[in-house]
Amino acid sequence: MHVSPDPITTQEQAARERDNLLDHFARGLYCAMASFSGGHGEPGEEALAKSRAVADDYLAAYEEWLVKIAADNAAPGPQ
């Protein structure tokens, strides 16, 4: 089943979605590293803050890539 989310139409919605993505990415990074090193359990605030910083870097790079793709697609002429 395919579920289409409601479109994001405001800066506030975009900021909330970005924040949610960062939380998911940070927890995923923590869980991946914890399972690799044999750890488990809920991440502490410090671990989440460090994971969130890494996730923010990745998300920022992805956003830059999306903007570039959108600009290339909007440019006139052959692609």
C-alpha atoms as a PDB file:
ATOM      1  CA  MET A   1       0.000   0.000   0.000  1.00  0.00           C
ATOM      2  CA  HIS A   2       1.290   3.450  -0.914  1.00  0.00           C
ATOM      3  CA  VAL A   3       0.558   6.347   1.388  1.00  0.00           C
ATOM      4  CA  SER A   4       1.085   9.898   0.196  1.00  0.00           C
ATOM      5  CA  PRO A   5       1.728  12.420   2.948  1.00  0.00           C
ATOM      6  CA  ASP A   6      -0.042  15.745   2.968  1.00  0.00           C
ATOM      7  CA  PRO A   7       2.034  18.322   1.112  1.00  0.00           C
ATOM      8  CA  ILE A   8       4.205  20.647   3.155  1.00  0.00           C
ATOM      9  CA  THR A   9       3.013  24.175   2.468  1.00  0.00           C
ATOM     10  CA  THR A  10       4.574  26.330   5.204  1.00  0.00           C
ATOM     11  CA  GLN A  11       8.029  26.942   6.617  1.00  0.00           C
ATOM     12  CA  GLU A  12       6.776  25.815  10.029  1.00  0.00           C
ATOM     13  CA  GLN A  13       5.643  22.460   8.643  1.00  0.00           C
ATOM     14  CA  ALA A  14       8.968  22.047   6.865  1.00  0.00           C
ATOM     15  CA  ALA A  15      10.882  22.824  10.067  1.00  0.00           C
ATOM     16  CA  ARG A  16       8.808  20.291  12.048  1.00  0.00           C
ATOM     17  CA  GLU A  17       9.344  17.598   9.411  1.00  0.00           C
ATOM     18  CA  ARG A  18      13.085  18.301   9.310  1.00  0.00           C
ATOM     19  CA  ASP A  19      13.218  18.059  13.107  1.00  0.00           C
ATOM     20  CA  ASN A  20      11.336  14.735  13.011  1.00  0.00           C
ATOM     21  CA  LEU A  21      13.735  13.403  10.379  1.00  0.00           C
ATOM     22  CA  LEU A  22      16.733  14.438  12.470  1.00  0.00           C
ATOM     23  CA  ASP A  23      15.307  12.613  15.491  1.00  0.00           C
ATOM     24  CA  HIS A  24      14.744   9.451  13.452  1.00  0.00           C
ATOM     25  CA  PHE A  25      18.179   9.633  11.859  1.00  0.00           C
ATOM     26  CA  ALA A  26      19.898  10.301  15.187  1.00  0.00           C
ATOM     27  CA  ARG A  27      18.200   7.319  16.838  1.00  0.00           C
ATOM     28  CA  GLY A  28      19.032   5.140  13.831  1.00  0.00           C
ATOM     29  CA  LEU A  29      22.689   6.180  13.916  1.00  0.00           C
ATOM     30  CA  TYR A  30      22.835   5.526  17.649  1.00  0.00           C
ATOM     31  CA  CYS A  31      21.208   2.113  17.306  1.00  0.00           C
ATOM     32  CA  ALA A  32      23.532   1.140  14.457  1.00  0.00           C
ATOM     33  CA  MET A  33      26.631   2.135  16.417  1.00  0.00           C
ATOM     34  CA  ALA A  34      25.354   0.552  19.641  1.00  0.00           C
ATOM     35  CA  SER A  35      24.632  -2.768  17.946  1.00  0.00           C
ATOM     36  CA  PHE A  36      28.057  -2.661  16.266  1.00  0.00           C
ATOM     37  CA  SER A  37      29.791  -2.132  19.594  1.00  0.00           C
ATOM     38  CA  GLY A  38      27.632  -4.586  21.526  1.00  0.00           C
ATOM     39  CA  GLY A  39      25.657  -1.947  23.406  1.00  0.00           C
ATOM     40  CA  HIS A  40      21.914  -1.684  23.737  1.00  0.00           C
ATOM     41  CA  GLY A  41      19.189   0.292  25.478  1.00  0.00           C
ATOM     42  CA  GLU A  42      17.868   3.782  25.106  1.00  0.00           C
ATOM     43  CA  PRO A  43      20.345   6.454  24.036  1.00  0.00           C
ATOM     44  CA  GLY A  44      21.220   9.185  26.511  1.00  0.00           C
ATOM     45  CA  GLU A  45      20.876  12.881  25.747  1.00  0.00           C
ATOM     46  CA  GLU A  46      24.589  13.256  24.972  1.00  0.00           C
ATOM     47  CA  ALA A  47      24.591  10.321  22.549  1.00  0.00           C
ATOM     48  CA  LEU A  48      21.485  11.668  20.797  1.00  0.00           C
ATOM     49  CA  ALA A  49      23.019  15.143  20.554  1.00  0.00           C
ATOM     50  CA  LYS A  50      26.148  13.733  18.896  1.00  0.00           C
ATOM     51  CA  SER A  51      24.106  11.547  16.549  1.00  0.00           C
ATOM     52  CA  ARG A  52      21.829  14.469  15.747  1.00  0.00           C
ATOM     53  CA  ALA A  53      24.816  16.602  14.710  1.00  0.00           C
ATOM     54  CA  VAL A  54      25.941  13.895  12.274  1.00  0.00           C
ATOM     55  CA  ALA A  55      22.385  13.458  10.989  1.00  0.00           C
ATOM     56  CA  ASP A  56      22.088  17.225  10.494  1.00  0.00           C
ATOM     57  CA  ASP A  57      25.209  17.219   8.301  1.00  0.00           C
ATOM     58  CA  TYR A  58      23.813  14.431   6.141  1.00  0.00           C
ATOM     59  CA  LEU A  59      20.396  16.058   5.875  1.00  0.00           C
ATOM     60  CA  ALA A  60      21.923  19.425   4.954  1.00  0.00           C
ATOM     61  CA  ALA A  61      23.940  17.780   2.172  1.00  0.00           C
ATOM     62  CA  TYR A  62      20.800  16.019   0.929  1.00  0.00           C
ATOM     63  CA  GLU A  63      18.861  19.301   0.942  1.00  0.00           C
ATOM     64  CA  GLU A  64      21.635  20.979  -1.091  1.00  0.00           C
ATOM     65  CA  TRP A  65      21.506  18.126  -3.583  1.00  0.00           C
ATOM     66  CA  LEU A  66      17.706  18.442  -3.896  1.00  0.00           C
ATOM     67  CA  VAL A  67      17.988  22.195  -4.501  1.00  0.00           C
ATOM     68  CA  LYS A  68      20.601  21.586  -7.203  1.00  0.00           C
ATOM     69  CA  ILE A  69      18.430  18.966  -8.893  1.00  0.00           C
ATOM     70  CA  ALA A  70      15.415  21.304  -8.774  1.00  0.00           C
ATOM     71  CA  ALA A  71      17.462  24.154 -10.260  1.00  0.00           C
ATOM     72  CA  ASP A  72      18.824  21.897 -13.011  1.00  0.00           C
ATOM     73  CA  ASN A  73      15.311  20.669 -13.820  1.00  0.00           C
ATOM     74  CA  ALA A  74      13.973  24.238 -13.927  1.00  0.00           C
ATOM     75  CA  ALA A  75      16.740  25.452 -16.238  1.00  0.00           C
ATOM     76  CA  PRO A  76      15.735  25.896 -19.872  1.00  0.00           C
ATOM     77  CA  GLY A  77      17.378  23.854 -22.573  1.00  0.00           C
ATOM     78  CA  PRO A  78      18.604  20.263 -22.821  1.00  0.00           C
ATOM     79  CA  GLN A  79      19.348  18.441 -19.602  1.00  0.00           C
END
